[in-house]
Amino acid sequence: MLTGNTQENSALGELISSTNFTCVCGTILLCSEYNAHAEECTGIQAANEDLMERTKVRQATQIVNRSTFHCPLCSDRNMDRGALLQHFENSHQGTAGVCPVCAVMPWGDPNYVSRDLYGHMRLRHNFDYDTYTDFAEQEEEMLRKVMEDSLNQQ
């Protein structure tokens, strides 16, 4: 619905009724005829289908949460790596269990039980992987980059 100045609305209506438009199919028509033409135009339909295909939401791949973890030994949840390490130090020293960090890593084994979960965390997970790891990279490419970086540090 047009609102505002009646004269402006009238002028806009006249402009739409008198302005030519060239469709993607090559047909020249008035702008006011576009909607009716678009319903039957194979050129517009093909362009719309192409646009829909190019912008279609791809099926989402499962996103693995590597930022927060839950304790496999109790009900504590949503801890980052540092908080998880602190939790094991305070509550579960010397206890065996599956490492929640290893369990979500591409190279990790979700079934491997560490004899001392706190000791394992302290030795193996004393940094945040997302700072140093590009999970989208192949292992060989990451190794090449690490080797190059280590040579450049000397």
N, C-alpha and C. Protein backbone atom coordinates (compact mmCIF):
# COMPACT_ATOMS: atom_id res chain seq x y z
N MET A 1 0.85 -1.18 0.00
CA MET A 1 0.00 0.00 0.00
C MET A 1 0.89 1.24 0.00
N LEU A 2 0.60 2.16 -0.89
CA LEU A 2 1.36 3.39 -0.95
C LEU A 2 0.88 4.36 0.10
N THR A 3 1.81 4.97 0.77
CA THR A 3 1.46 5.98 1.78
C THR A 3 2.18 7.27 1.44
N GLY A 4 1.78 8.32 2.08
CA GLY A 4 2.45 9.60 1.87
C GLY A 4 1.67 10.48 0.93
N ASN A 5 2.39 11.31 0.20
CA ASN A 5 1.81 12.30 -0.69
C ASN A 5 1.09 11.63 -1.86
N THR A 6 -0.16 11.97 -2.07
CA THR A 6 -0.99 11.40 -3.13
C THR A 6 -0.43 11.74 -4.50
N GLN A 7 0.10 12.96 -4.65
CA GLN A 7 0.69 13.37 -5.93
C GLN A 7 1.90 12.52 -6.26
N GLU A 8 2.74 12.24 -5.24
CA GLU A 8 3.94 11.42 -5.46
C GLU A 8 3.53 10.00 -5.84
N ASN A 9 2.50 9.47 -5.17
CA ASN A 9 2.03 8.12 -5.48
C ASN A 9 1.51 8.04 -6.90
N SER A 10 0.79 9.06 -7.32
CA SER A 10 0.24 9.10 -8.67
C SER A 10 1.37 9.17 -9.70
N ALA A 11 2.37 9.99 -9.41
CA ALA A 11 3.51 10.13 -10.32
C ALA A 11 4.27 8.81 -10.43
N LEU A 12 4.42 8.10 -9.30
CA LEU A 12 5.10 6.82 -9.30
C LEU A 12 4.31 5.80 -10.12
N GLY A 13 3.00 5.78 -9.95
CA GLY A 13 2.15 4.88 -10.73
C GLY A 13 2.26 5.14 -12.22
N GLU A 14 2.29 6.41 -12.60
CA GLU A 14 2.43 6.76 -14.01
C GLU A 14 3.79 6.33 -14.55
N LEU A 15 4.82 6.49 -13.74
CA LEU A 15 6.17 6.10 -14.14
C LEU A 15 6.24 4.59 -14.38
N ILE A 16 5.65 3.81 -13.47
CA ILE A 16 5.64 2.35 -13.61
C ILE A 16 4.85 1.93 -14.84
N SER A 17 3.77 2.63 -15.12
CA SER A 17 2.91 2.29 -16.27
C SER A 17 3.50 2.75 -17.60
N SER A 18 4.50 3.62 -17.58
CA SER A 18 5.03 4.14 -18.84
C SER A 18 6.49 3.77 -19.10
N THR A 19 7.14 3.12 -18.17
CA THR A 19 8.55 2.79 -18.33
C THR A 19 8.71 1.38 -18.87
N ASN A 20 9.54 1.25 -19.90
CA ASN A 20 9.81 -0.05 -20.50
C ASN A 20 10.88 -0.79 -19.69
N PHE A 21 10.78 -2.10 -19.77
CA PHE A 21 11.71 -2.98 -19.07
C PHE A 21 12.04 -4.11 -20.04
N THR A 22 13.31 -4.46 -20.16
CA THR A 22 13.71 -5.57 -21.01
C THR A 22 13.98 -6.78 -20.12
N CYS A 23 13.21 -7.83 -20.33
CA CYS A 23 13.32 -9.05 -19.53
C CYS A 23 14.57 -9.84 -19.96
N VAL A 24 15.01 -10.78 -19.12
CA VAL A 24 16.15 -11.62 -19.45
C VAL A 24 15.88 -12.47 -20.70
N CYS A 25 14.61 -12.69 -21.03
CA CYS A 25 14.26 -13.46 -22.23
C CYS A 25 14.29 -12.58 -23.49
N GLY A 26 14.47 -11.26 -23.31
CA GLY A 26 14.53 -10.34 -24.44
C GLY A 26 13.24 -9.60 -24.72
N THR A 27 12.15 -9.96 -24.06
CA THR A 27 10.87 -9.30 -24.26
C THR A 27 10.90 -7.91 -23.65
N ILE A 28 10.41 -6.94 -24.40
CA ILE A 28 10.30 -5.57 -23.89
C ILE A 28 8.87 -5.38 -23.42
N LEU A 29 8.71 -4.97 -22.18
CA LEU A 29 7.38 -4.79 -21.62
C LEU A 29 7.41 -3.63 -20.64
N LEU A 30 6.22 -3.19 -20.26
CA LEU A 30 6.12 -2.12 -19.28
C LEU A 30 6.42 -2.69 -17.89
N CYS A 31 6.99 -1.90 -17.03
CA CYS A 31 7.28 -2.33 -15.66
C CYS A 31 6.01 -2.84 -14.97
N SER A 32 4.89 -2.22 -15.28
CA SER A 32 3.62 -2.62 -14.66
C SER A 32 3.18 -4.02 -15.11
N GLU A 33 3.73 -4.53 -16.20
CA GLU A 33 3.37 -5.85 -16.71
C GLU A 33 4.34 -6.94 -16.25
N TYR A 34 5.36 -6.56 -15.51
CA TYR A 34 6.43 -7.49 -15.14
C TYR A 34 5.91 -8.71 -14.36
N ASN A 35 5.11 -8.50 -13.33
CA ASN A 35 4.66 -9.61 -12.48
C ASN A 35 3.89 -10.66 -13.30
N ALA A 36 3.01 -10.22 -14.14
CA ALA A 36 2.24 -11.16 -14.97
C ALA A 36 3.18 -11.90 -15.92
N HIS A 37 4.13 -11.19 -16.51
CA HIS A 37 5.08 -11.81 -17.43
C HIS A 37 5.98 -12.81 -16.69
N ALA A 38 6.41 -12.46 -15.50
CA ALA A 38 7.35 -13.30 -14.74
C ALA A 38 6.76 -14.67 -14.41
N GLU A 39 5.45 -14.75 -14.25
CA GLU A 39 4.80 -16.03 -13.94
C GLU A 39 4.94 -17.04 -15.07
N GLU A 40 5.08 -16.55 -16.32
CA GLU A 40 5.12 -17.45 -17.47
C GLU A 40 6.47 -17.47 -18.17
N CYS A 41 7.36 -16.56 -17.83
CA CYS A 41 8.63 -16.42 -18.54
C CYS A 41 9.61 -17.53 -18.15
N THR A 42 10.02 -18.32 -19.12
CA THR A 42 10.98 -19.40 -18.86
C THR A 42 12.37 -18.85 -18.56
N GLY A 43 12.69 -17.68 -19.09
CA GLY A 43 13.99 -17.06 -18.81
C GLY A 43 14.13 -16.67 -17.35
N ILE A 44 13.09 -16.06 -16.80
CA ILE A 44 13.10 -15.66 -15.39
C ILE A 44 13.09 -16.90 -14.50
N GLN A 45 12.29 -17.89 -14.88
CA GLN A 45 12.23 -19.12 -14.09
C GLN A 45 13.58 -19.82 -14.06
N ALA A 46 14.26 -19.88 -15.20
CA ALA A 46 15.58 -20.51 -15.26
C ALA A 46 16.59 -19.72 -14.44
N ALA A 47 16.53 -18.39 -14.52
CA ALA A 47 17.45 -17.55 -13.74
C ALA A 47 17.20 -17.74 -12.24
N ASN A 48 15.92 -17.81 -11.88
CA ASN A 48 15.59 -18.02 -10.46
C ASN A 48 16.06 -19.39 -9.97
N GLU A 49 15.87 -20.43 -10.80
CA GLU A 49 16.31 -21.77 -10.42
C GLU A 49 17.83 -21.81 -10.26
N ASP A 50 18.53 -21.15 -11.18
CA ASP A 50 19.99 -21.10 -11.09
C ASP A 50 20.43 -20.39 -9.82
N LEU A 51 19.78 -19.26 -9.52
CA LEU A 51 20.10 -18.52 -8.31
C LEU A 51 19.82 -19.36 -7.06
N MET A 52 18.69 -20.04 -7.06
CA MET A 52 18.33 -20.90 -5.92
C MET A 52 19.37 -22.01 -5.74
N GLU A 53 19.80 -22.58 -6.82
CA GLU A 53 20.79 -23.67 -6.75
C GLU A 53 22.12 -23.16 -6.21
N ARG A 54 22.53 -21.98 -6.68
CA ARG A 54 23.81 -21.44 -6.22
C ARG A 54 23.78 -20.99 -4.77
N THR A 55 22.62 -20.59 -4.29
CA THR A 55 22.53 -20.08 -2.92
C THR A 55 21.90 -21.09 -1.97
N LYS A 56 21.61 -22.27 -2.47
CA LYS A 56 20.97 -23.30 -1.64
C LYS A 56 21.86 -23.63 -0.44
N VAL A 57 21.22 -23.76 0.68
CA VAL A 57 21.95 -24.12 1.89
C VAL A 57 22.38 -25.56 1.75
N ARG A 58 23.65 -25.78 1.82
CA ARG A 58 24.18 -27.13 1.74
C ARG A 58 23.87 -27.85 3.04
N GLN A 59 23.73 -29.15 2.95
CA GLN A 59 23.45 -29.93 4.15
C GLN A 59 24.60 -29.72 5.12
N ALA A 60 24.26 -29.31 6.31
CA ALA A 60 25.27 -29.00 7.30
C ALA A 60 26.00 -30.26 7.73
N THR A 61 27.31 -30.11 7.80
CA THR A 61 28.10 -31.21 8.35
C THR A 61 28.07 -31.08 9.86
N GLN A 62 28.23 -32.18 10.52
CA GLN A 62 28.18 -32.14 11.98
C GLN A 62 29.37 -31.34 12.49
N ILE A 63 29.09 -30.39 13.34
CA ILE A 63 30.13 -29.55 13.92
C ILE A 63 30.54 -30.16 15.26
N VAL A 64 31.83 -30.38 15.39
CA VAL A 64 32.35 -30.97 16.62
C VAL A 64 32.75 -29.84 17.56
N ASN A 65 32.27 -29.90 18.78
CA ASN A 65 32.62 -28.90 19.79
C ASN A 65 33.97 -29.27 20.38
N ARG A 66 34.97 -28.45 20.09
CA ARG A 66 36.30 -28.65 20.64
C ARG A 66 36.67 -27.50 21.58
N SER A 67 35.66 -26.77 22.03
CA SER A 67 35.90 -25.61 22.89
C SER A 67 35.50 -25.86 24.33
N THR A 68 34.43 -26.58 24.54
CA THR A 68 33.98 -26.87 25.90
C THR A 68 33.80 -28.37 26.05
N PHE A 69 34.01 -28.83 27.27
CA PHE A 69 34.02 -30.27 27.53
C PHE A 69 33.22 -30.58 28.78
N HIS A 70 32.81 -31.82 28.89
CA HIS A 70 32.18 -32.26 30.13
C HIS A 70 33.07 -33.31 30.77
N CYS A 71 33.01 -33.39 32.06
CA CYS A 71 33.81 -34.34 32.81
C CYS A 71 33.22 -35.73 32.61
N PRO A 72 34.05 -36.70 32.21
CA PRO A 72 33.53 -38.06 32.02
C PRO A 72 33.31 -38.79 33.35
N LEU A 73 33.71 -38.17 34.44
CA LEU A 73 33.64 -38.83 35.74
C LEU A 73 32.54 -38.29 36.65
N CYS A 74 32.03 -37.11 36.35
CA CYS A 74 30.95 -36.54 37.15
C CYS A 74 30.05 -35.70 36.25
N SER A 75 29.17 -34.94 36.82
CA SER A 75 28.17 -34.21 36.02
C SER A 75 28.60 -32.81 35.60
N ASP A 76 29.82 -32.38 35.91
CA ASP A 76 30.25 -31.03 35.53
C ASP A 76 30.38 -30.92 34.00
N ARG A 77 29.87 -29.81 33.46
CA ARG A 77 29.84 -29.62 32.01
C ARG A 77 30.31 -28.22 31.63
N ASN A 78 30.45 -28.03 30.34
CA ASN A 78 30.75 -26.72 29.73
C ASN A 78 32.00 -26.07 30.29
N MET A 79 33.05 -26.86 30.41
CA MET A 79 34.33 -26.32 30.87
C MET A 79 35.27 -26.20 29.69
N ASP A 80 36.00 -25.07 29.61
CA ASP A 80 37.02 -24.99 28.58
C ASP A 80 38.19 -25.87 29.03
N ARG A 81 39.20 -25.99 28.20
CA ARG A 81 40.32 -26.88 28.49
C ARG A 81 40.99 -26.55 29.82
N GLY A 82 41.21 -25.28 30.08
CA GLY A 82 41.85 -24.88 31.33
C GLY A 82 41.01 -25.22 32.55
N ALA A 83 39.72 -24.97 32.46
CA ALA A 83 38.82 -25.28 33.58
C ALA A 83 38.72 -26.78 33.78
N LEU A 84 38.76 -27.54 32.69
CA LEU A 84 38.72 -29.00 32.80
C LEU A 84 39.98 -29.52 33.50
N LEU A 85 41.12 -28.99 33.13
CA LEU A 85 42.38 -29.36 33.79
C LEU A 85 42.32 -29.04 35.28
N GLN A 86 41.84 -27.86 35.62
CA GLN A 86 41.70 -27.46 37.03
C GLN A 86 40.71 -28.38 37.76
N HIS A 87 39.64 -28.74 37.08
CA HIS A 87 38.63 -29.63 37.66
C HIS A 87 39.25 -30.99 38.00
N PHE A 88 40.02 -31.55 37.05
CA PHE A 88 40.67 -32.85 37.32
C PHE A 88 41.66 -32.73 38.47
N GLU A 89 42.39 -31.62 38.51
CA GLU A 89 43.36 -31.43 39.59
C GLU A 89 42.64 -31.39 40.94
N ASN A 90 41.51 -30.70 41.02
CA ASN A 90 40.79 -30.54 42.28
C ASN A 90 39.94 -31.76 42.66
N SER A 91 39.42 -32.46 41.68
CA SER A 91 38.42 -33.48 41.99
C SER A 91 38.76 -34.91 41.62
N HIS A 92 39.65 -35.10 40.65
CA HIS A 92 39.82 -36.47 40.15
C HIS A 92 41.28 -36.87 39.96
N GLN A 93 42.20 -36.40 40.75
CA GLN A 93 43.61 -36.78 40.60
C GLN A 93 43.75 -38.28 40.77
N GLY A 94 44.52 -38.90 39.87
CA GLY A 94 44.79 -40.34 39.95
C GLY A 94 43.66 -41.22 39.46
N THR A 95 42.60 -40.62 38.90
CA THR A 95 41.44 -41.39 38.44
C THR A 95 41.58 -41.70 36.95
N ALA A 96 41.20 -42.90 36.56
CA ALA A 96 41.24 -43.31 35.16
C ALA A 96 39.96 -42.88 34.45
N GLY A 97 40.07 -42.65 33.15
CA GLY A 97 38.89 -42.29 32.36
C GLY A 97 39.26 -41.95 30.93
N VAL A 98 38.26 -41.77 30.10
CA VAL A 98 38.46 -41.36 28.70
C VAL A 98 38.63 -39.85 28.67
N CYS A 99 39.70 -39.40 28.04
CA CYS A 99 39.98 -37.96 27.96
C CYS A 99 38.96 -37.30 27.03
N PRO A 100 38.19 -36.33 27.53
CA PRO A 100 37.18 -35.67 26.68
C PRO A 100 37.80 -34.82 25.57
N VAL A 101 39.03 -34.36 25.75
CA VAL A 101 39.69 -33.58 24.70
C VAL A 101 40.11 -34.52 23.57
N CYS A 102 40.78 -35.61 23.92
CA CYS A 102 41.20 -36.58 22.90
C CYS A 102 39.99 -37.16 22.16
N ALA A 103 38.91 -37.36 22.86
CA ALA A 103 37.73 -38.00 22.27
C ALA A 103 37.15 -37.20 21.11
N VAL A 104 37.34 -35.89 21.06
CA VAL A 104 36.76 -35.07 19.99
C VAL A 104 37.78 -34.66 18.93
N MET A 105 39.03 -35.05 19.11
CA MET A 105 40.05 -34.71 18.12
C MET A 105 40.02 -35.72 16.97
N PRO A 106 40.31 -35.27 15.74
CA PRO A 106 40.28 -36.19 14.60
C PRO A 106 41.21 -37.39 14.79
N TRP A 107 42.30 -37.19 15.48
CA TRP A 107 43.28 -38.25 15.69
C TRP A 107 43.06 -39.00 17.01
N GLY A 108 42.09 -38.57 17.79
CA GLY A 108 41.85 -39.16 19.10
C GLY A 108 41.05 -40.45 19.04
N ASP A 109 41.17 -41.24 20.09
CA ASP A 109 40.42 -42.48 20.21
C ASP A 109 39.42 -42.31 21.36
N PRO A 110 38.13 -42.21 21.06
CA PRO A 110 37.13 -41.98 22.11
C PRO A 110 36.95 -43.17 23.05
N ASN A 111 37.64 -44.26 22.78
CA ASN A 111 37.52 -45.44 23.63
C ASN A 111 38.76 -45.68 24.49
N TYR A 112 39.82 -44.89 24.28
CA TYR A 112 41.06 -45.10 25.03
C TYR A 112 40.92 -44.55 26.45
N VAL A 113 41.23 -45.39 27.43
CA VAL A 113 41.12 -44.99 28.84
C VAL A 113 42.52 -44.66 29.35
N SER A 114 42.69 -43.43 29.82
CA SER A 114 43.95 -43.02 30.45
C SER A 114 43.93 -43.47 31.91
N ARG A 115 45.06 -43.99 32.40
CA ARG A 115 45.12 -44.46 33.79
C ARG A 115 45.02 -43.31 34.78
N ASP A 116 45.62 -42.16 34.43
CA ASP A 116 45.58 -40.97 35.28
C ASP A 116 45.15 -39.80 34.41
N LEU A 117 43.88 -39.51 34.44
CA LEU A 117 43.32 -38.49 33.56
C LEU A 117 43.94 -37.11 33.81
N TYR A 118 44.15 -36.76 35.06
CA TYR A 118 44.77 -35.46 35.36
C TYR A 118 46.20 -35.41 34.82
N GLY A 119 46.97 -36.47 35.05
CA GLY A 119 48.34 -36.51 34.54
C GLY A 119 48.37 -36.42 33.02
N HIS A 120 47.46 -37.13 32.38
CA HIS A 120 47.36 -37.08 30.93
C HIS A 120 47.05 -35.66 30.45
N MET A 121 46.05 -35.05 31.08
CA MET A 121 45.67 -33.68 30.70
C MET A 121 46.84 -32.72 30.88
N ARG A 122 47.54 -32.84 31.99
CA ARG A 122 48.66 -31.95 32.30
C ARG A 122 49.78 -32.09 31.27
N LEU A 123 50.02 -33.33 30.82
CA LEU A 123 51.10 -33.56 29.86
C LEU A 123 50.69 -33.28 28.41
N ARG A 124 49.48 -33.66 28.04
CA ARG A 124 49.08 -33.63 26.64
C ARG A 124 48.24 -32.42 26.23
N HIS A 125 47.58 -31.81 27.19
CA HIS A 125 46.62 -30.74 26.83
C HIS A 125 46.89 -29.48 27.63
N ASN A 126 48.10 -29.03 27.58
CA ASN A 126 48.48 -27.82 28.32
C ASN A 126 48.38 -26.57 27.45
N PHE A 127 47.66 -26.69 26.32
CA PHE A 127 47.42 -25.56 25.43
C PHE A 127 46.11 -25.80 24.70
N ASP A 128 45.57 -24.76 24.09
CA ASP A 128 44.31 -24.88 23.35
C ASP A 128 44.63 -25.23 21.90
N TYR A 129 44.11 -26.35 21.44
CA TYR A 129 44.41 -26.82 20.09
C TYR A 129 43.99 -25.84 19.02
N ASP A 130 42.88 -25.15 19.20
CA ASP A 130 42.41 -24.26 18.13
C ASP A 130 43.36 -23.11 17.87
N THR A 131 44.28 -22.84 18.79
CA THR A 131 45.29 -21.80 18.59
C THR A 131 46.36 -22.27 17.60
N TYR A 132 46.63 -23.57 17.60
CA TYR A 132 47.74 -24.12 16.82
C TYR A 132 47.32 -25.03 15.68
N THR A 133 46.08 -25.43 15.64
CA THR A 133 45.64 -26.44 14.69
C THR A 133 44.56 -25.91 13.78
N ASP A 134 44.71 -26.20 12.50
CA ASP A 134 43.66 -25.93 11.53
C ASP A 134 43.01 -27.27 11.23
N PHE A 135 41.83 -27.50 11.81
CA PHE A 135 41.18 -28.80 11.70
C PHE A 135 40.73 -29.11 10.28
N ALA A 136 40.68 -28.10 9.41
CA ALA A 136 40.28 -28.33 8.03
C ALA A 136 41.45 -28.82 7.18
N GLU A 137 42.67 -28.65 7.67
CA GLU A 137 43.86 -29.06 6.93
C GLU A 137 44.09 -30.56 7.07
N GLN A 138 44.70 -31.13 6.06
CA GLN A 138 45.12 -32.52 6.13
C GLN A 138 46.34 -32.62 7.03
N GLU A 139 46.54 -33.76 7.63
CA GLU A 139 47.64 -33.95 8.58
C GLU A 139 49.00 -33.66 7.94
N GLU A 140 49.21 -34.09 6.70
CA GLU A 140 50.49 -33.87 6.03
C GLU A 140 50.76 -32.38 5.83
N GLU A 141 49.71 -31.62 5.48
CA GLU A 141 49.87 -30.18 5.28
C GLU A 141 50.20 -29.48 6.59
N MET A 142 49.54 -29.89 7.68
CA MET A 142 49.83 -29.30 9.00
C MET A 142 51.27 -29.61 9.39
N LEU A 143 51.72 -30.84 9.17
CA LEU A 143 53.09 -31.22 9.52
C LEU A 143 54.09 -30.39 8.73
N ARG A 144 53.81 -30.18 7.44
CA ARG A 144 54.70 -29.36 6.61
C ARG A 144 54.80 -27.95 7.16
N LYS A 145 53.65 -27.36 7.54
CA LYS A 145 53.66 -26.00 8.09
C LYS A 145 54.40 -25.92 9.41
N VAL A 146 54.22 -26.92 10.26
CA VAL A 146 54.92 -26.95 11.55
C VAL A 146 56.43 -27.02 11.32
N MET A 147 56.84 -27.87 10.39
CA MET A 147 58.27 -28.00 10.10
C MET A 147 58.84 -26.68 9.56
N GLU A 148 58.10 -26.05 8.65
CA GLU A 148 58.56 -24.76 8.12
C GLU A 148 58.66 -23.72 9.23
N ASP A 149 57.65 -23.65 10.09
CA ASP A 149 57.66 -22.68 11.19
C ASP A 149 58.82 -22.94 12.15
N SER A 150 59.11 -24.21 12.43
CA SER A 150 60.19 -24.52 13.36
C SER A 150 61.55 -24.14 12.76
N LEU A 151 61.68 -24.29 11.44
CA LEU A 151 62.94 -23.90 10.79
C LEU A 151 63.09 -22.38 10.77
N ASN A 152 61.99 -21.67 10.63
CA ASN A 152 62.02 -20.21 10.62
C ASN A 152 62.27 -19.60 11.99
N GLN A 153 62.05 -20.36 13.06
CA GLN A 153 62.24 -19.85 14.43
C GLN A 153 63.70 -19.83 14.83
N GLN A 154 64.55 -20.51 14.10
CA GLN A 154 65.97 -20.62 14.49
C GLN A 154 66.73 -19.37 14.18
